[in-house]
Amino acid sequence: MPYTLFLTPPLARVGLTETEAREQGYEVRVAAKQVADIAAAPRAKIDGDPRGIVKVVVDAATDRVLGAALMHVHAEEVINLVALAIRQGTTAAQLRDAIYTHPSMTEALNEVLGALG
């Protein structure tokens, strides 16, 4: 169940945290990047608030997305896509390789998940 704390910038979460995933026996890979360092997501800079982070927890064995924590402008929207990905068993590679509208914060998934290799 996704949720958002409407702070400035918003904090949105869904699924398992890194700690919860490890406690449940998953071997995880974690993709995380500060929003200000994400070249592929200019929306935060356009909106004048490049603060925040994108963090995605992935099952190393299956590449399925297990959870995410997003704190950036429009996180309340992007978290819905990640929640759908979790429900549908979408892989990190599928989210990474998708084409998103430009300029949007969803584009951050291309770069952040690309760091997983």
Protein backbone atom coordinates (compact mmCIF):
# COMPACT_ATOMS: atom_id res chain seq x y z
CA MET A 1 0.00 0.00 0.00
CA PRO A 2 1.69 3.23 -1.08
CA TYR A 3 1.54 6.29 1.12
CA THR A 4 2.76 9.86 1.04
CA LEU A 5 3.62 12.34 3.75
CA PHE A 6 2.92 15.70 2.19
CA LEU A 7 6.05 17.47 3.34
CA THR A 8 8.11 19.78 1.18
CA PRO A 9 9.30 17.84 -0.75
CA PRO A 10 6.86 14.93 -0.31
CA LEU A 11 8.03 11.62 1.15
CA ALA A 12 6.39 8.60 -0.49
CA ARG A 13 6.92 4.93 0.37
CA VAL A 14 5.73 1.54 -0.81
CA GLY A 15 6.67 -2.07 -0.19
CA LEU A 16 9.58 -3.30 1.87
CA THR A 17 12.41 -1.24 3.26
CA GLU A 18 15.94 -2.53 2.78
CA THR A 19 16.00 -3.74 6.40
CA GLU A 20 12.61 -5.47 6.13
CA ALA A 21 13.64 -7.22 2.92
CA ARG A 22 16.85 -8.54 4.48
CA GLU A 23 14.94 -9.65 7.60
CA GLN A 24 12.57 -11.62 5.34
CA GLY A 25 15.52 -13.44 3.79
CA TYR A 26 15.89 -11.57 0.52
CA GLU A 27 19.31 -10.88 -0.90
CA VAL A 28 18.85 -7.30 -2.06
CA ARG A 29 20.38 -4.77 -4.34
CA VAL A 30 19.69 -1.14 -3.58
CA ALA A 31 19.63 1.71 -6.06
CA ALA A 32 19.78 5.15 -4.46
CA LYS A 33 20.70 8.60 -5.65
CA GLN A 34 20.27 12.17 -4.48
CA VAL A 35 17.81 14.01 -6.72
CA ALA A 36 20.25 16.89 -7.28
CA ASP A 37 22.67 14.37 -8.83
CA ILE A 38 20.17 12.81 -11.27
CA ALA A 39 20.92 14.35 -14.67
CA ALA A 40 18.09 12.45 -16.37
CA ALA A 41 15.39 14.05 -14.20
CA PRO A 42 15.34 17.81 -14.72
CA ARG A 43 11.78 18.23 -13.36
CA ALA A 44 12.96 18.93 -9.81
CA LYS A 45 15.28 21.67 -11.05
CA ILE A 46 12.52 23.13 -13.23
CA ASP A 47 10.23 23.20 -10.19
CA GLY A 48 13.01 24.86 -8.19
CA ASP A 49 13.43 22.12 -5.57
CA PRO A 50 16.21 19.62 -6.34
CA ARG A 51 16.27 18.27 -2.77
CA GLY A 52 15.58 14.65 -1.95
CA ILE A 53 16.43 11.07 -2.78
CA VAL A 54 15.22 8.13 -4.84
CA LYS A 55 15.82 4.70 -3.27
CA VAL A 56 14.60 1.40 -4.71
CA VAL A 57 15.02 -2.03 -3.11
CA VAL A 58 15.31 -4.94 -5.55
CA ASP A 59 15.40 -8.71 -5.07
CA ALA A 60 18.85 -9.76 -6.32
CA ALA A 61 17.61 -13.23 -7.35
CA THR A 62 14.64 -12.18 -9.50
CA ASP A 63 15.27 -8.45 -10.21
CA ARG A 64 11.75 -7.73 -8.93
CA VAL A 65 11.12 -4.44 -7.20
CA LEU A 66 10.43 -4.99 -3.49
CA GLY A 67 10.02 -1.44 -2.26
CA ALA A 68 10.91 2.21 -2.65
CA ALA A 69 11.32 5.43 -0.74
CA LEU A 70 11.00 8.64 -2.73
CA MET A 71 11.48 12.12 -1.37
CA HIS A 72 11.27 14.68 -4.14
CA VAL A 73 8.83 16.93 -5.97
CA HIS A 74 6.04 14.82 -7.45
CA ALA A 75 6.96 11.75 -5.35
CA GLU A 76 3.24 11.39 -4.58
CA GLU A 77 2.72 10.59 -8.27
CA VAL A 78 5.80 8.48 -9.03
CA ILE A 79 5.14 6.18 -6.06
CA ASN A 80 1.96 4.96 -7.77
CA LEU A 81 3.99 3.61 -10.68
CA VAL A 82 6.36 1.82 -8.31
CA ALA A 83 3.39 0.37 -6.38
CA LEU A 84 1.94 -0.97 -9.64
CA ALA A 85 5.33 -2.44 -10.53
CA ILE A 86 5.45 -4.29 -7.21
CA ARG A 87 1.90 -5.62 -7.60
CA GLN A 88 2.58 -6.81 -11.16
CA GLY A 89 6.01 -8.33 -10.49
CA THR A 90 7.76 -5.85 -12.76
CA THR A 91 11.53 -6.07 -12.77
CA ALA A 92 13.93 -3.25 -12.07
CA ALA A 93 15.23 -3.66 -15.62
CA GLN A 94 11.74 -3.14 -17.05
CA LEU A 95 11.30 0.07 -15.03
CA ARG A 96 14.82 1.18 -15.96
CA ASP A 97 14.27 0.66 -19.68
CA ALA A 98 10.82 2.26 -19.93
CA ILE A 99 10.36 5.51 -21.79
CA TYR A 100 8.80 8.21 -19.63
CA THR A 101 7.49 11.65 -20.55
CA HIS A 102 9.98 14.50 -20.44
CA PRO A 103 10.47 16.41 -18.27
CA SER A 104 9.08 14.32 -15.43
CA MET A 105 10.36 12.89 -12.17
CA THR A 106 9.53 9.41 -13.43
CA GLU A 107 12.63 9.72 -15.64
CA ALA A 108 14.73 9.43 -12.49
CA LEU A 109 13.97 5.70 -12.50
CA ASN A 110 15.99 5.29 -15.71
CA GLU A 111 19.16 6.66 -14.16
CA VAL A 112 18.76 5.40 -10.59
CA LEU A 113 17.93 1.84 -11.62
CA GLY A 114 20.65 1.99 -14.27
CA ALA A 115 23.17 2.10 -11.44
CA LEU A 116 22.20 -1.47 -10.50
CA GLY A 117 24.04 -2.75 -13.54
